[in-house]
Amino acid sequence: QVQLVESGGGLVQPGGSLRLSCAASGSIFNIYNMGWYRQAPGKQRELVATITSSGSSNYADSVKGRFTISGDNAKLTIYLQMNSLKPDDTAVYSCKKRIGFIDYWGQGTQVTVSS
């Protein structure tokens, strides 16, 4: 079993910053193949940023230059630093860990960007 717990969401004004955390526990040994996804009301869930199996990072075009994904293998935690936030970034942000052919998801954390 794998458990993923996100934290750090909240309400922020446009142009502001937030840092999300996703702490993993259970049958997990590294932070590779972990990432952040988001789902806005009425929209499909989309990839935001991932740490690949080789340790490199991938980003959605809409967040490049504003968001940074990082991780701490010792803590089995990944982070998403979000800067220059826009109202369009408003969504529930969830982290995912892929092990083999199975995807494990956290419960999500709400990010609202509004003045």
N, C-alpha and C. Protein backbone atom coordinates (compact mmCIF):
# COMPACT_ATOMS: atom_id res chain seq x y z
N GLN A 1 0.83 -1.20 0.00
CA GLN A 1 0.00 0.00 0.00
C GLN A 1 0.86 1.25 0.00
N VAL A 2 0.40 2.26 -0.70
CA VAL A 2 1.09 3.55 -0.78
C VAL A 2 0.10 4.62 -0.35
N GLN A 3 0.55 5.50 0.52
CA GLN A 3 -0.27 6.63 0.93
C GLN A 3 0.44 7.92 0.53
N LEU A 4 -0.33 8.84 -0.03
CA LEU A 4 0.17 10.14 -0.44
C LEU A 4 -0.67 11.22 0.22
N VAL A 5 -0.02 12.15 0.88
CA VAL A 5 -0.75 13.21 1.58
C VAL A 5 -0.22 14.55 1.13
N GLU A 6 -1.09 15.34 0.50
CA GLU A 6 -0.72 16.67 0.04
C GLU A 6 -1.03 17.71 1.11
N SER A 7 -0.29 18.79 1.06
CA SER A 7 -0.54 19.93 1.94
C SER A 7 -0.01 21.19 1.28
N GLY A 8 -0.43 22.33 1.81
CA GLY A 8 0.11 23.59 1.34
C GLY A 8 -0.81 24.42 0.47
N GLY A 9 -1.98 23.89 0.16
CA GLY A 9 -2.90 24.67 -0.66
C GLY A 9 -3.51 25.82 0.13
N GLY A 10 -4.27 26.64 -0.59
CA GLY A 10 -4.92 27.76 0.07
C GLY A 10 -5.35 28.81 -0.90
N LEU A 11 -5.70 29.96 -0.36
CA LEU A 11 -6.13 31.11 -1.16
C LEU A 11 -4.97 32.09 -1.28
N VAL A 12 -4.69 32.52 -2.50
CA VAL A 12 -3.59 33.45 -2.74
C VAL A 12 -4.02 34.44 -3.81
N GLN A 13 -3.49 35.64 -3.73
CA GLN A 13 -3.81 36.66 -4.72
C GLN A 13 -3.02 36.42 -6.00
N PRO A 14 -3.53 36.89 -7.13
CA PRO A 14 -2.76 36.78 -8.38
C PRO A 14 -1.37 37.39 -8.21
N GLY A 15 -0.39 36.69 -8.76
CA GLY A 15 1.00 37.11 -8.62
C GLY A 15 1.69 36.54 -7.40
N GLY A 16 0.93 35.91 -6.53
CA GLY A 16 1.49 35.35 -5.31
C GLY A 16 2.11 33.99 -5.50
N SER A 17 2.54 33.40 -4.39
CA SER A 17 3.24 32.11 -4.42
C SER A 17 2.65 31.16 -3.39
N LEU A 18 2.78 29.89 -3.69
CA LEU A 18 2.45 28.83 -2.76
C LEU A 18 3.42 27.68 -2.96
N ARG A 19 3.62 26.91 -1.91
CA ARG A 19 4.45 25.71 -2.01
C ARG A 19 3.64 24.51 -1.53
N LEU A 20 3.44 23.58 -2.43
CA LEU A 20 2.74 22.35 -2.09
C LEU A 20 3.72 21.26 -1.72
N SER A 21 3.29 20.38 -0.82
CA SER A 21 4.09 19.22 -0.44
C SER A 21 3.26 17.97 -0.60
N CYS A 22 3.93 16.88 -0.95
CA CYS A 22 3.28 15.57 -1.03
C CYS A 22 4.19 14.57 -0.34
N ALA A 23 3.74 14.08 0.80
CA ALA A 23 4.51 13.12 1.57
C ALA A 23 4.01 11.71 1.30
N ALA A 24 4.92 10.83 0.95
CA ALA A 24 4.56 9.45 0.63
C ALA A 24 4.97 8.52 1.76
N SER A 25 4.21 7.46 1.93
CA SER A 25 4.54 6.44 2.92
C SER A 25 4.00 5.10 2.43
N GLY A 26 4.45 4.04 3.11
CA GLY A 26 4.03 2.71 2.70
C GLY A 26 5.11 2.04 1.86
N SER A 27 4.67 1.27 0.89
CA SER A 27 5.59 0.49 0.05
C SER A 27 6.16 1.35 -1.07
N ILE A 28 6.96 2.32 -0.68
CA ILE A 28 7.56 3.24 -1.64
C ILE A 28 8.99 3.49 -1.21
N PHE A 29 9.90 3.55 -2.20
CA PHE A 29 11.32 3.62 -1.85
C PHE A 29 12.03 4.81 -2.46
N ASN A 30 11.35 5.54 -3.36
CA ASN A 30 11.97 6.71 -3.95
C ASN A 30 10.87 7.63 -4.48
N ILE A 31 11.29 8.78 -4.93
CA ILE A 31 10.33 9.79 -5.40
C ILE A 31 10.24 9.83 -6.91
N TYR A 32 10.87 8.86 -7.59
CA TYR A 32 10.80 8.88 -9.05
C TYR A 32 9.42 8.46 -9.52
N ASN A 33 9.09 8.92 -10.74
CA ASN A 33 7.74 8.67 -11.27
C ASN A 33 6.66 9.21 -10.35
N MET A 34 6.93 10.35 -9.78
CA MET A 34 5.93 11.07 -8.99
C MET A 34 5.68 12.42 -9.64
N GLY A 35 4.49 12.92 -9.46
CA GLY A 35 4.20 14.20 -10.08
C GLY A 35 2.96 14.85 -9.53
N TRP A 36 2.74 16.04 -10.02
CA TRP A 36 1.58 16.85 -9.65
C TRP A 36 0.63 16.98 -10.83
N TYR A 37 -0.64 16.86 -10.53
CA TYR A 37 -1.71 17.03 -11.50
C TYR A 37 -2.73 18.00 -10.90
N ARG A 38 -3.53 18.59 -11.75
CA ARG A 38 -4.57 19.48 -11.24
C ARG A 38 -5.84 19.32 -12.03
N GLN A 39 -6.95 19.62 -11.37
CA GLN A 39 -8.24 19.57 -12.02
C GLN A 39 -9.06 20.77 -11.58
N ALA A 40 -9.39 21.59 -12.57
CA ALA A 40 -10.24 22.75 -12.32
C ALA A 40 -11.69 22.35 -12.52
N PRO A 41 -12.63 23.10 -11.93
CA PRO A 41 -14.04 22.77 -12.09
C PRO A 41 -14.45 22.73 -13.56
N GLY A 42 -15.11 21.65 -13.95
CA GLY A 42 -15.59 21.52 -15.32
C GLY A 42 -14.53 21.15 -16.33
N LYS A 43 -13.31 20.90 -15.86
CA LYS A 43 -12.22 20.56 -16.78
C LYS A 43 -11.64 19.20 -16.44
N GLN A 44 -10.93 18.64 -17.42
CA GLN A 44 -10.26 17.37 -17.18
C GLN A 44 -8.99 17.58 -16.36
N ARG A 45 -8.61 16.53 -15.66
CA ARG A 45 -7.36 16.60 -14.90
C ARG A 45 -6.20 16.69 -15.88
N GLU A 46 -5.22 17.51 -15.53
CA GLU A 46 -4.07 17.71 -16.40
C GLU A 46 -2.77 17.60 -15.62
N LEU A 47 -1.74 17.19 -16.34
CA LEU A 47 -0.42 17.10 -15.75
C LEU A 47 0.12 18.51 -15.51
N VAL A 48 0.75 18.69 -14.36
CA VAL A 48 1.41 19.97 -14.06
C VAL A 48 2.92 19.80 -14.16
N ALA A 49 3.45 18.85 -13.40
CA ALA A 49 4.90 18.63 -13.39
C ALA A 49 5.17 17.24 -12.83
N THR A 50 6.23 16.62 -13.35
CA THR A 50 6.58 15.28 -12.88
C THR A 50 8.08 15.14 -12.72
N ILE A 51 8.47 14.21 -11.87
CA ILE A 51 9.85 13.76 -11.75
C ILE A 51 9.88 12.37 -12.38
N THR A 52 10.66 12.23 -13.44
CA THR A 52 10.66 10.98 -14.20
C THR A 52 11.47 9.91 -13.49
N SER A 53 11.51 8.73 -14.12
CA SER A 53 12.26 7.62 -13.54
C SER A 53 13.76 7.89 -13.53
N SER A 54 14.21 8.80 -14.39
CA SER A 54 15.63 9.15 -14.43
C SER A 54 15.96 10.33 -13.54
N GLY A 55 14.93 10.90 -12.92
CA GLY A 55 15.15 12.03 -12.03
C GLY A 55 15.01 13.38 -12.68
N SER A 56 14.73 13.40 -13.96
CA SER A 56 14.55 14.69 -14.63
C SER A 56 13.12 15.19 -14.40
N SER A 57 12.88 16.44 -14.77
CA SER A 57 11.58 17.07 -14.52
C SER A 57 10.90 17.42 -15.83
N ASN A 58 9.59 17.26 -15.86
CA ASN A 58 8.79 17.69 -17.00
C ASN A 58 7.70 18.64 -16.51
N TYR A 59 7.35 19.60 -17.34
CA TYR A 59 6.36 20.60 -16.96
C TYR A 59 5.34 20.80 -18.08
N ALA A 60 4.13 21.12 -17.69
CA ALA A 60 3.15 21.57 -18.67
C ALA A 60 3.59 22.94 -19.18
N ASP A 61 3.30 23.21 -20.45
CA ASP A 61 3.71 24.50 -21.03
C ASP A 61 3.14 25.66 -20.24
N SER A 62 1.95 25.49 -19.70
CA SER A 62 1.27 26.59 -19.01
C SER A 62 1.94 27.00 -17.71
N VAL A 63 2.82 26.16 -17.17
CA VAL A 63 3.45 26.48 -15.89
C VAL A 63 4.97 26.64 -16.00
N LYS A 64 5.53 26.38 -17.16
CA LYS A 64 6.98 26.50 -17.34
C LYS A 64 7.44 27.91 -16.98
N GLY A 65 8.51 27.98 -16.21
CA GLY A 65 9.06 29.27 -15.81
C GLY A 65 8.41 29.84 -14.56
N ARG A 66 7.29 29.25 -14.15
CA ARG A 66 6.60 29.75 -12.94
C ARG A 66 6.60 28.69 -11.83
N PHE A 67 6.49 27.43 -12.19
CA PHE A 67 6.42 26.36 -11.19
C PHE A 67 7.72 25.55 -11.22
N THR A 68 8.11 25.04 -10.06
CA THR A 68 9.28 24.19 -9.95
C THR A 68 8.94 22.97 -9.10
N ILE A 69 9.20 21.80 -9.66
CA ILE A 69 9.01 20.56 -8.91
C ILE A 69 10.35 20.13 -8.35
N SER A 70 10.35 19.64 -7.12
CA SER A 70 11.57 19.14 -6.50
C SER A 70 11.18 18.02 -5.55
N GLY A 71 12.19 17.36 -5.02
CA GLY A 71 11.89 16.26 -4.14
C GLY A 71 13.03 15.94 -3.20
N ASP A 72 12.68 15.23 -2.15
CA ASP A 72 13.65 14.80 -1.14
C ASP A 72 13.45 13.30 -0.96
N ASN A 73 14.40 12.53 -1.50
CA ASN A 73 14.27 11.07 -1.43
C ASN A 73 14.28 10.56 0.01
N ALA A 74 15.08 11.20 0.85
CA ALA A 74 15.19 10.75 2.24
C ALA A 74 13.86 10.91 2.97
N LYS A 75 13.11 11.93 2.60
CA LYS A 75 11.82 12.19 3.24
C LYS A 75 10.65 11.62 2.43
N LEU A 76 10.95 11.08 1.24
CA LEU A 76 9.91 10.57 0.35
C LEU A 76 8.83 11.63 0.13
N THR A 77 9.28 12.82 -0.15
CA THR A 77 8.39 13.96 -0.31
C THR A 77 8.74 14.72 -1.57
N ILE A 78 7.72 15.12 -2.31
CA ILE A 78 7.94 16.02 -3.44
C ILE A 78 7.25 17.35 -3.15
N TYR A 79 7.74 18.37 -3.83
CA TYR A 79 7.24 19.72 -3.61
C TYR A 79 6.88 20.35 -4.95
N LEU A 80 6.02 21.33 -4.89
CA LEU A 80 5.72 22.13 -6.06
C LEU A 80 5.73 23.59 -5.64
N GLN A 81 6.77 24.28 -6.03
CA GLN A 81 6.85 25.72 -5.77
C GLN A 81 6.14 26.44 -6.90
N MET A 82 5.12 27.19 -6.56
CA MET A 82 4.31 27.88 -7.55
C MET A 82 4.45 29.38 -7.36
N ASN A 83 5.00 30.05 -8.36
CA ASN A 83 5.18 31.49 -8.33
C ASN A 83 4.35 32.15 -9.43
N SER A 84 4.18 33.43 -9.31
CA SER A 84 3.42 34.21 -10.30
C SER A 84 2.09 33.55 -10.61
N LEU A 85 1.38 33.20 -9.58
CA LEU A 85 0.13 32.47 -9.75
C LEU A 85 -0.92 33.32 -10.46
N LYS A 86 -1.72 32.64 -11.27
CA LYS A 86 -2.78 33.28 -12.04
C LYS A 86 -4.13 32.67 -11.66
N PRO A 87 -5.21 33.39 -11.89
CA PRO A 87 -6.53 32.80 -11.61
C PRO A 87 -6.75 31.46 -12.32
N ASP A 88 -6.16 31.31 -13.51
CA ASP A 88 -6.31 30.04 -14.24
C ASP A 88 -5.61 28.88 -13.56
N ASP A 89 -4.78 29.15 -12.58
CA ASP A 89 -4.13 28.08 -11.83
C ASP A 89 -5.04 27.50 -10.74
N THR A 90 -6.20 28.10 -10.55
CA THR A 90 -7.13 27.61 -9.55
C THR A 90 -7.59 26.20 -9.88
N ALA A 91 -7.39 25.28 -8.94
CA ALA A 91 -7.73 23.88 -9.18
C ALA A 91 -7.46 23.08 -7.90
N VAL A 92 -7.89 21.83 -7.93
CA VAL A 92 -7.45 20.88 -6.91
C VAL A 92 -6.18 20.22 -7.43
N TYR A 93 -5.13 20.33 -6.65
CA TYR A 93 -3.83 19.78 -7.02
C TYR A 93 -3.63 18.45 -6.28
N SER A 94 -3.29 17.42 -7.06
CA SER A 94 -3.10 16.10 -6.49
C SER A 94 -1.74 15.55 -6.90
N CYS A 95 -1.15 14.76 -6.05
CA CYS A 95 0.10 14.12 -6.44
C CYS A 95 -0.17 12.66 -6.75
N LYS A 96 0.68 12.13 -7.60
CA LYS A 96 0.55 10.76 -8.06
C LYS A 96 1.89 10.07 -8.02
N LYS A 97 1.88 8.81 -7.64
CA LYS A 97 3.08 7.96 -7.70
C LYS A 97 2.74 6.74 -8.54
N ARG A 98 3.55 6.48 -9.54
CA ARG A 98 3.36 5.29 -10.36
C ARG A 98 4.36 4.23 -9.94
N ILE A 99 3.85 3.04 -9.66
CA ILE A 99 4.70 1.89 -9.36
C ILE A 99 4.27 0.78 -10.30
N GLY A 100 5.15 0.45 -11.23
CA GLY A 100 4.77 -0.54 -12.24
C GLY A 100 3.65 0.01 -13.09
N PHE A 101 2.51 -0.68 -13.08
CA PHE A 101 1.35 -0.24 -13.86
C PHE A 101 0.26 0.34 -12.98
N ILE A 102 0.58 0.62 -11.73
CA ILE A 102 -0.42 1.12 -10.80
C ILE A 102 -0.13 2.57 -10.44
N ASP A 103 -1.16 3.39 -10.49
CA ASP A 103 -1.06 4.78 -10.09
C ASP A 103 -1.71 4.96 -8.72
N TYR A 104 -0.99 5.58 -7.82
CA TYR A 104 -1.52 5.91 -6.51
C TYR A 104 -1.71 7.42 -6.43
N TRP A 105 -2.83 7.83 -5.86
CA TRP A 105 -3.17 9.25 -5.80
C TRP A 105 -3.38 9.70 -4.36
N GLY A 106 -3.03 10.97 -4.13
CA GLY A 106 -3.39 11.59 -2.88
C GLY A 106 -4.80 12.14 -2.95
N GLN A 107 -5.23 12.74 -1.84
CA GLN A 107 -6.61 13.23 -1.77
C GLN A 107 -6.79 14.60 -2.42
N GLY A 108 -5.68 15.29 -2.64
CA GLY A 108 -5.73 16.59 -3.30
C GLY A 108 -5.76 17.74 -2.30
N THR A 109 -5.31 18.89 -2.78
CA THR A 109 -5.35 20.11 -1.98
C THR A 109 -5.82 21.26 -2.88
N GLN A 110 -6.71 22.07 -2.36
CA GLN A 110 -7.31 23.14 -3.16
C GLN A 110 -6.38 24.34 -3.23
N VAL A 111 -6.17 24.84 -4.43
CA VAL A 111 -5.45 26.09 -4.65
C VAL A 111 -6.42 27.05 -5.33
N THR A 112 -6.62 28.19 -4.72
CA THR A 112 -7.51 29.21 -5.27
C THR A 112 -6.73 30.51 -5.44
N VAL A 113 -6.71 31.01 -6.65
CA VAL A 113 -6.00 32.26 -6.96
C VAL A 113 -7.06 33.31 -7.29
N SER A 114 -7.20 34.26 -6.40
CA SER A 114 -8.26 35.25 -6.55
C SER A 114 -7.93 36.49 -5.75
N SER A 115 -8.38 37.63 -6.25
CA SER A 115 -8.21 38.87 -5.52
C SER A 115 -9.46 39.16 -4.68
